[in-house]
């Protein structure tokens, strides 16, 4: 009886011990599971760290390689750009000069010219001439006979510069662009304001976002057209009123040699006459002779180009008047300026060498001579002086 009572009392005790042991086994299993998971995570984190280190090393190596390549490109980009522009200009020049292609008739690529191709070429040349006459209006019936007088308006600025009116506007404003490299235009209300001794104080200063090069810029229809400094042959069209770049273009073949041997600072000389905007430059392929290019001032597109017989050697300036190029020559030491070559783009009969038109009453040199078709005058810059020449014309025979 006593034994049974003791057993009855011990049963709950053993059951509690067994329950505790069961809980301990469950906790041990849970701890083991957690430990395994942590080990797995630690291994994955370690692999992730290794991958990140490898990625960082790889990225650093790649960055060094890219920076090295970019440094090389930065060093060579000016030369490469110049070579590419030179190649493009030569290709465009070749395309311009080739009138027609024959047909390849055999494996030796011999070109056979037929009579019908010759006739076609003559017809195309005649059509081109008619198109050019329509484009240029063919309204000029007079030629330059002489330069009859001059007026030294002012002496301001250095050896290089240009000054002008806008022949496409009705206002009387005068514009002064001093130096062969600069980025500020001075605008005066009229020529009287320009002639005053303290003229720079009264001038409106118009800064350019891109500087000019040379002295061959012109102002036409409210826009300044100029050769961008640092570029081979880029022409900028700048809106003076809005003070912003309106357009730009590349002039094929230009910029490699000076337009005039005695004015080496000018590689591209822009000009305006009765029929709009022109560009004058010299090319090695023409033996240094001057090339004329007609430009549409609205679209900034090339309309046509002409290779002239006028040499850039001993030339100091040139201007266009009535579709005709007039090249001004001088001696390297600075003597009497004279027009020795004239080239009419529409009529070869009025193209001649050494017509013997001399500039009057002064000795020296010019860095700029620009024609104003509205006033039939030349606006010149000579040895720091701003000069106006009046022209004498006669009827074209």
Protein backbone atom coordinates (compact mmCIF):
# COMPACT_ATOMS: atom_id res chain seq x y z
CA UNK A 1 0.00 0.00 0.00
CA UNK A 2 2.85 2.32 0.90
CA UNK A 3 4.79 1.35 -2.22
CA UNK A 4 1.87 2.09 -4.43
CA UNK A 5 1.50 5.51 -2.87
CA UNK A 6 5.20 6.26 -3.43
CA UNK A 7 4.96 5.21 -7.07
CA UNK A 8 1.91 7.37 -7.49
CA UNK A 9 3.88 10.34 -6.20
CA UNK A 10 6.98 9.61 -8.37
CA UNK A 11 5.10 9.34 -11.68
CA UNK A 12 4.52 13.11 -12.06
CA UNK A 13 8.15 13.72 -11.13
CA UNK A 14 9.49 11.42 -13.89
CA UNK A 15 7.05 12.85 -16.39
CA UNK A 16 8.27 16.36 -15.65
CA UNK A 17 11.90 15.22 -16.10
CA UNK A 18 11.07 13.60 -19.45
CA UNK A 19 9.27 16.77 -20.61
CA UNK A 20 12.26 18.89 -19.68
CA UNK A 21 14.58 16.56 -21.58
CA UNK A 22 12.32 16.78 -24.63
CA UNK A 23 12.41 20.59 -24.53
CA UNK A 24 16.22 20.52 -24.24
CA UNK A 25 16.47 18.34 -27.35
CA UNK A 26 14.19 20.72 -29.28
CA UNK A 27 16.26 23.75 -28.22
CA UNK A 28 19.47 21.99 -29.24
CA UNK A 29 18.01 21.20 -32.66
CA UNK A 30 16.89 24.83 -33.07
CA UNK A 31 20.32 26.12 -32.09
CA UNK A 32 21.96 23.73 -34.52
CA UNK A 33 19.65 24.94 -37.34
CA UNK A 34 20.36 28.60 -36.53
CA UNK A 35 24.10 27.92 -36.44
CA UNK A 36 23.98 26.25 -39.88
CA UNK A 37 22.02 29.16 -41.33
CA UNK A 38 24.54 31.66 -39.96
CA UNK A 39 27.38 29.64 -41.40
CA UNK A 40 25.67 29.65 -44.78
CA UNK A 41 25.03 33.38 -44.63
CA UNK A 42 28.60 34.09 -43.56
CA UNK A 43 29.93 32.06 -46.51
CA UNK A 44 27.65 33.94 -48.90
CA UNK A 45 28.69 37.31 -47.42
CA UNK A 46 32.34 36.33 -47.75
CA UNK A 47 31.80 35.40 -51.42
CA UNK A 48 29.93 38.67 -51.97
CA UNK A 49 32.84 40.61 -50.47
CA UNK A 50 35.27 38.78 -52.71
CA UNK A 51 33.12 39.55 -55.77
CA UNK A 52 32.92 43.22 -54.81
CA UNK A 53 36.69 43.40 -54.41
CA UNK A 54 37.14 41.78 -57.82
CA UNK A 55 34.61 44.14 -59.39
CA UNK A 56 36.34 47.17 -57.85
CA UNK A 57 39.74 46.02 -59.09
CA UNK A 58 38.33 45.35 -62.55
CA UNK A 59 36.62 48.75 -62.64
CA UNK A 60 39.82 50.50 -61.58
CA UNK A 61 41.80 48.76 -64.31
CA UNK A 62 39.12 49.63 -66.88
CA UNK A 63 39.03 53.27 -65.70
CA UNK A 64 42.81 53.56 -66.03
CA UNK A 65 42.63 52.16 -69.55
CA UNK A 66 39.78 54.52 -70.57
CA UNK A 67 41.51 57.58 -69.08
CA UNK A 68 44.70 56.65 -70.89
CA UNK A 69 42.84 56.30 -74.21
CA UNK A 70 40.98 59.60 -73.66
CA UNK A 71 44.23 61.39 -72.86
CA UNK A 72 45.65 60.12 -76.13
CA UNK A 73 42.54 61.20 -78.05
CA UNK A 74 42.62 64.63 -76.40
CA UNK A 75 46.24 65.05 -77.48
CA UNK A 76 45.57 64.04 -81.07
CA UNK A 77 42.05 65.40 -81.59
CA UNK A 78 43.18 68.75 -83.04
CA UNK A 79 45.40 67.03 -85.60
CA UNK A 80 42.75 64.41 -86.39
CA UNK A 81 40.04 67.05 -86.76
CA UNK A 82 42.26 69.08 -89.07
CA UNK A 83 43.05 66.03 -91.20
CA UNK A 84 39.38 65.02 -91.41
CA UNK A 85 38.27 68.55 -92.37
CA UNK A 86 41.07 68.72 -94.91
CA UNK A 87 40.01 65.40 -96.42
CA UNK A 88 36.34 66.44 -96.54
CA UNK A 89 37.18 69.75 -98.16
CA UNK A 90 39.34 68.02 -100.79
CA UNK A 91 36.54 65.58 -101.56
CA UNK A 92 33.98 68.39 -101.90
CA UNK A 93 36.40 70.40 -104.02
CA UNK A 94 36.92 67.42 -106.34
CA UNK A 95 33.16 66.89 -106.60
CA UNK A 96 32.70 70.54 -107.43
CA UNK A 97 35.26 70.54 -110.24
CA UNK A 98 34.20 67.31 -111.93
CA UNK A 99 31.58 68.14 -114.55
CA UNK A 100 30.54 64.67 -115.47
CA UNK A 101 31.59 61.02 -115.24
CA UNK A 102 31.97 58.72 -118.19
CA UNK A 103 30.88 55.14 -118.22
CA UNK A 104 33.20 52.24 -117.40
CA UNK A 105 33.13 50.04 -120.47
CA UNK A 106 35.68 47.27 -119.83
CA UNK A 107 37.69 45.52 -117.16
CA UNK A 108 40.51 48.02 -117.58
CA UNK A 109 38.12 50.79 -116.45
CA UNK A 110 38.75 52.87 -119.55
CA UNK A 111 36.44 55.87 -119.87
CA UNK A 112 34.93 56.36 -123.30
CA UNK A 113 33.66 59.87 -124.03
CA UNK A 114 30.88 59.95 -126.63
CA UNK A 115 29.62 62.86 -128.63
CA UNK A 116 26.28 62.79 -126.84
CA UNK A 117 28.08 63.14 -123.50
CA UNK A 118 29.95 66.18 -124.80
CA UNK A 119 26.67 67.70 -125.98
CA UNK A 120 25.09 66.92 -122.63
CA UNK A 121 27.97 68.60 -120.85
CA UNK A 122 27.63 71.73 -122.99
CA UNK A 123 23.91 71.85 -122.30
CA UNK A 124 24.50 71.45 -118.58
CA UNK A 125 27.10 74.22 -118.60
CA UNK A 126 24.69 76.52 -120.45
CA UNK A 127 21.91 75.71 -117.98
CA UNK A 128 24.29 76.33 -115.08
CA UNK A 129 25.24 79.70 -116.53
CA UNK A 130 21.56 80.65 -116.92
CA UNK A 131 20.87 79.52 -113.36
CA UNK A 132 23.74 81.59 -112.01
CA UNK A 133 22.58 84.66 -113.93
CA UNK A 134 19.11 84.28 -112.44
CA UNK A 135 20.55 83.69 -108.97
CA UNK A 136 22.82 86.74 -109.23
CA UNK A 137 20.10 88.79 -110.89
CA UNK A 138 22.55 89.81 -113.66
CA UNK A 139 21.60 93.44 -113.00
CA UNK A 140 25.13 94.89 -112.82
CA UNK A 141 25.92 96.77 -116.01
CA UNK A 142 28.91 98.79 -114.81
CA UNK A 143 32.58 98.10 -114.05
CA UNK A 144 35.20 99.75 -111.88
CA UNK A 145 37.09 102.47 -113.74
CA UNK A 146 39.08 104.01 -110.91
CA UNK A 147 39.28 105.09 -107.27
CA UNK A 148 38.90 108.86 -107.29
CA UNK A 149 39.28 110.02 -103.69
CA UNK A 150 39.78 109.00 -100.10
CA UNK A 151 38.82 110.25 -96.68
CA UNK A 152 40.61 109.24 -93.50
CA UNK A 153 37.68 109.18 -91.11
CA UNK A 154 39.49 108.20 -87.92
CA UNK A 155 42.67 106.66 -86.61
CA UNK A 156 41.87 104.26 -83.82
CA UNK A 157 42.90 100.76 -82.92
CA UNK A 158 45.98 98.79 -83.95
CA UNK A 159 47.35 97.57 -87.25
CA UNK A 160 44.57 95.01 -87.76
CA UNK A 161 40.84 95.55 -87.71
CA UNK A 162 37.77 96.32 -89.78
CA UNK A 163 34.90 98.78 -89.75
CA UNK A 164 31.70 98.91 -91.76
CA UNK A 165 28.04 99.77 -92.19
CA UNK A 166 25.30 97.22 -92.74
CA UNK A 167 24.34 97.66 -96.43
CA UNK A 168 21.24 95.55 -95.89
CA UNK A 169 19.74 97.91 -93.27
CA UNK A 170 18.41 101.47 -93.51
CA UNK A 171 20.09 102.66 -90.32
CA UNK A 172 23.35 104.67 -90.30
CA UNK A 173 25.12 102.69 -87.58
CA UNK A 174 28.87 102.18 -87.74
CA UNK A 175 30.50 98.99 -86.47
CA UNK A 176 34.13 98.72 -85.35
CA UNK A 177 35.90 95.38 -84.86
CA UNK A 178 39.42 95.97 -83.58
CA UNK A 179 42.18 93.38 -83.74
CA UNK A 180 42.67 90.11 -85.59
CA UNK A 181 41.43 88.09 -82.58
CA UNK A 182 38.70 89.58 -80.40
CA UNK A 183 35.15 89.02 -79.19
CA UNK A 184 33.64 92.52 -78.77
CA UNK A 185 31.89 94.64 -81.43
CA UNK A 186 31.58 98.40 -80.92
CA UNK A 187 28.36 99.87 -82.36
CA UNK A 188 28.02 103.64 -82.96
CA UNK A 189 24.81 105.52 -83.73
CA UNK A 190 26.29 107.18 -86.84
CA UNK A 191 29.57 108.24 -88.38
CA UNK A 192 29.61 111.56 -86.51
CA UNK A 193 29.44 109.73 -83.21
CA UNK A 194 32.23 107.45 -84.40
CA UNK A 195 34.46 110.39 -85.33
CA UNK A 196 34.30 112.01 -81.88
CA UNK A 197 37.45 111.74 -79.78
CA UNK A 198 35.76 109.84 -76.94
CA UNK A 199 33.92 107.56 -79.33
CA UNK A 200 34.51 104.37 -77.38
CA UNK A 201 32.59 105.75 -74.40
CA UNK A 202 29.48 106.26 -76.53
CA UNK A 203 29.67 102.92 -78.28
CA UNK A 204 27.36 100.03 -77.55
CA UNK A 205 29.47 97.00 -76.70
CA UNK A 206 28.24 93.72 -78.19
CA UNK A 207 30.12 90.68 -76.81
CA UNK A 208 30.42 87.52 -78.91
CA UNK A 209 30.17 84.03 -77.38
CA UNK A 210 32.87 82.88 -79.84
CA UNK A 211 35.84 85.10 -80.86
CA UNK A 212 36.70 85.98 -84.45
CA UNK A 213 39.91 85.39 -86.37
CA UNK A 214 41.41 87.68 -89.00
CA UNK A 215 39.75 90.82 -90.34
CA UNK A 216 37.52 89.36 -93.04
CA UNK A 217 34.17 89.70 -91.28
CA UNK A 218 31.08 91.49 -92.63
CA UNK A 219 27.75 92.70 -91.29
CA UNK A 220 24.71 92.10 -93.48
CA UNK A 221 20.96 92.11 -92.80
CA UNK A 222 21.52 92.52 -89.06
CA UNK A 223 23.95 89.60 -88.78
CA UNK A 224 27.70 89.47 -88.30
CA UNK A 225 29.42 86.81 -90.40
CA UNK A 226 32.92 85.89 -89.31
CA UNK A 227 35.61 83.18 -89.25
CA UNK A 228 35.61 81.53 -85.81
CA UNK A 229 38.95 81.75 -84.02
CA UNK A 230 40.59 78.38 -83.46
CA UNK A 231 38.67 76.63 -86.23
CA UNK A 232 39.95 75.66 -89.66
CA UNK A 233 37.05 76.93 -91.77
CA UNK A 234 33.97 77.50 -89.57
CA UNK A 235 31.90 80.59 -90.39
CA UNK A 236 29.60 81.93 -87.66
CA UNK A 237 26.35 83.81 -88.29
CA UNK A 238 25.69 86.05 -85.26
CA UNK A 239 22.46 87.96 -84.60
CA UNK A 240 23.63 91.36 -83.37
CA UNK A 241 20.26 92.45 -81.93
CA UNK A 242 19.59 89.21 -80.04
CA UNK A 243 23.26 88.65 -79.21
CA UNK A 244 23.15 84.98 -80.12
CA UNK A 245 24.61 82.61 -82.70
CA UNK A 246 21.99 82.04 -85.40
CA UNK A 247 23.84 79.49 -87.55
CA UNK A 248 27.23 78.23 -88.66
CA UNK A 249 28.81 76.40 -91.60
CA UNK A 250 32.09 74.89 -92.79
CA UNK A 251 33.60 76.42 -95.93
CA UNK A 252 35.10 73.60 -98.07
CA UNK A 253 38.79 73.94 -98.87
CA UNK A 254 39.36 77.10 -96.83
CA UNK A 255 41.51 77.90 -93.83
CA UNK A 256 44.74 76.09 -94.66
CA UNK A 257 46.67 79.07 -96.06
CA UNK A 258 46.10 82.84 -95.81
CA UNK A 259 43.69 84.41 -98.27
CA UNK A 260 46.34 87.07 -98.98
CA UNK A 261 50.10 86.69 -98.52
CA UNK A 262 50.51 90.22 -97.11
CA UNK A 263 47.64 89.74 -94.61
CA UNK A 264 48.46 86.33 -93.09
CA UNK A 265 46.10 86.85 -90.16
CA UNK A 266 43.10 86.44 -92.49
CA UNK A 267 42.40 82.91 -93.76
CA UNK A 268 38.80 83.57 -94.87
CA UNK A 269 37.69 86.97 -96.17
CA UNK A 270 33.94 87.49 -96.32
CA UNK A 271 32.46 90.07 -98.68
CA UNK A 272 29.11 91.63 -99.57
CA UNK A 273 28.03 93.14 -102.87
CA UNK A 274 24.78 93.81 -104.75
CA UNK A 275 23.96 90.09 -104.70
CA UNK A 276 24.69 89.15 -101.13
CA UNK A 277 27.34 87.20 -99.26
CA UNK A 278 30.61 85.84 -100.65
CA UNK A 279 33.70 84.15 -99.23
CA UNK A 280 37.24 84.57 -100.55
CA UNK A 281 40.13 82.27 -99.70
CA UNK A 282 43.19 80.59 -101.21
CA UNK A 283 43.90 76.89 -101.62
CA UNK A 284 47.15 74.93 -102.09
CA UNK A 285 45.48 72.89 -104.87
CA UNK A 286 45.01 76.07 -106.94
CA UNK A 287 48.64 77.10 -106.51
CA UNK A 288 47.65 79.72 -103.97
CA UNK A 289 45.16 81.40 -106.31
CA UNK A 290 42.03 82.90 -104.80
CA UNK A 291 38.78 80.91 -104.75
CA UNK A 292 35.38 82.64 -104.74
CA UNK A 293 32.39 81.01 -103.06
CA UNK A 294 28.81 82.34 -103.18
CA UNK A 295 26.97 81.70 -99.90
CA UNK A 296 23.24 81.89 -99.23
CA UNK A 297 23.25 84.17 -96.19
CA UNK A 298 19.86 82.84 -95.02
CA UNK A 299 20.52 79.08 -95.16
CA UNK A 300 24.34 79.29 -94.82
CA UNK A 301 24.71 76.92 -97.77
CA UNK A 302 27.27 77.06 -100.58
CA UNK A 303 25.63 78.02 -103.89
CA UNK A 304 28.64 77.87 -106.22
CA UNK A 305 32.44 78.24 -106.28
CA UNK A 306 34.95 79.58 -108.83
CA UNK A 307 38.70 79.07 -109.11
CA UNK A 308 40.23 82.36 -110.25
CA UNK A 309 43.55 83.21 -111.94
CA UNK A 310 44.20 85.85 -109.25
CA UNK A 311 47.20 84.99 -107.11
CA UNK A 312 47.31 85.52 -103.36
CA UNK A 313 51.04 86.31 -103.60
CA UNK A 314 51.74 89.98 -102.77
CA UNK A 315 47.97 90.48 -102.26
CA UNK A 316 46.88 92.42 -99.18
CA UNK A 317 43.09 92.47 -99.58
CA UNK A 318 40.21 92.00 -102.04
CA UNK A 319 36.56 92.89 -102.44
CA UNK A 320 33.52 91.84 -104.47
CA UNK A 321 31.51 94.39 -106.46
CA UNK A 322 28.83 93.44 -108.97
CA UNK A 323 29.77 89.74 -109.04
CA UNK A 324 33.37 90.73 -109.73
CA UNK A 325 36.47 90.05 -107.64
CA UNK A 326 38.97 92.90 -107.31
CA UNK A 327 42.30 91.90 -105.75
CA UNK A 328 44.46 94.60 -104.11
CA UNK A 329 48.24 94.12 -104.32
CA UNK A 330 51.14 95.90 -102.64
CA UNK A 331 54.81 95.46 -101.86
CA UNK A 332 55.87 93.67 -98.66
CA UNK A 333 57.36 96.92 -97.32
CA UNK A 334 54.12 98.82 -97.93
CA UNK A 335 53.88 100.98 -101.01
CA UNK A 336 51.01 102.14 -103.20
CA UNK A 337 48.07 99.76 -103.20
CA UNK A 338 46.76 98.81 -106.62
CA UNK A 339 44.18 96.49 -108.18
CA UNK A 340 46.00 94.11 -110.51
CA UNK A 341 43.54 91.26 -111.00
CA UNK A 342 39.82 91.41 -111.75
CA UNK A 343 37.60 88.33 -112.19
CA UNK A 344 33.95 88.44 -113.26
CA UNK A 345 32.22 85.20 -112.22
CA UNK A 346 29.67 85.48 -115.04
CA UNK A 347 31.66 86.87 -117.94
CA UNK A 348 35.21 85.80 -118.75
CA UNK A 349 35.54 88.78 -121.11
CA UNK A 350 35.77 91.01 -118.05
CA UNK A 351 38.46 88.92 -116.38
CA UNK A 352 41.92 90.38 -116.76
CA UNK A 353 45.29 90.79 -115.13
CA UNK A 354 46.95 94.15 -114.30
CA UNK A 355 44.18 96.67 -115.06
CA UNK A 356 46.33 99.26 -113.25
CA UNK A 357 43.81 100.85 -110.86
CA UNK A 358 45.75 102.56 -108.06
CA UNK A 359 44.56 103.77 -104.66
CA UNK A 360 45.06 107.55 -104.43
CA UNK A 361 47.17 109.87 -102.27
CA UNK A 362 48.65 107.56 -99.67
CA UNK A 363 51.38 105.04 -99.17
CA UNK A 364 51.03 102.16 -96.74
CA UNK A 365 49.10 98.94 -96.58
CA UNK A 366 45.56 97.71 -96.00
CA UNK A 367 44.50 94.74 -93.91
CA UNK A 368 40.84 95.14 -94.93
CA UNK A 369 39.04 96.55 -97.97
CA UNK A 370 35.27 95.97 -98.05
CA UNK A 371 32.76 97.21 -100.61
CA UNK A 372 29.50 98.81 -99.49
CA UNK A 373 27.02 98.26 -102.36
CA UNK A 374 24.50 100.68 -100.87
CA UNK A 375 26.86 103.66 -100.90
CA UNK A 376 29.20 102.46 -103.70
CA UNK A 377 32.21 103.04 -101.44
CA UNK A 378 35.10 101.06 -100.00
CA UNK A 379 35.50 100.87 -96.23
CA UNK A 380 39.19 100.16 -95.60
CA UNK A 381 41.49 99.72 -92.60
CA UNK A 382 45.03 100.87 -93.29
CA UNK A 383 47.77 101.04 -90.65
CA UNK A 384 45.28 101.72 -87.87
CA UNK A 385 43.27 104.28 -89.88
CA UNK A 386 39.63 103.94 -90.96
CA UNK A 387 39.39 105.09 -94.58
CA UNK A 388 36.60 105.59 -97.11
CA UNK A 389 37.36 105.40 -100.84
CA UNK A 390 34.90 106.58 -103.48
CA UNK A 391 34.67 104.54 -106.67
CA UNK A 392 34.52 105.67 -110.28
CA UNK A 393 32.54 103.31 -112.55
CA UNK A 394 31.74 103.13 -116.22
CA UNK A 395 29.22 101.28 -118.39
CA UNK A 396 30.10 97.70 -119.25
CA UNK A 397 30.65 97.43 -122.99
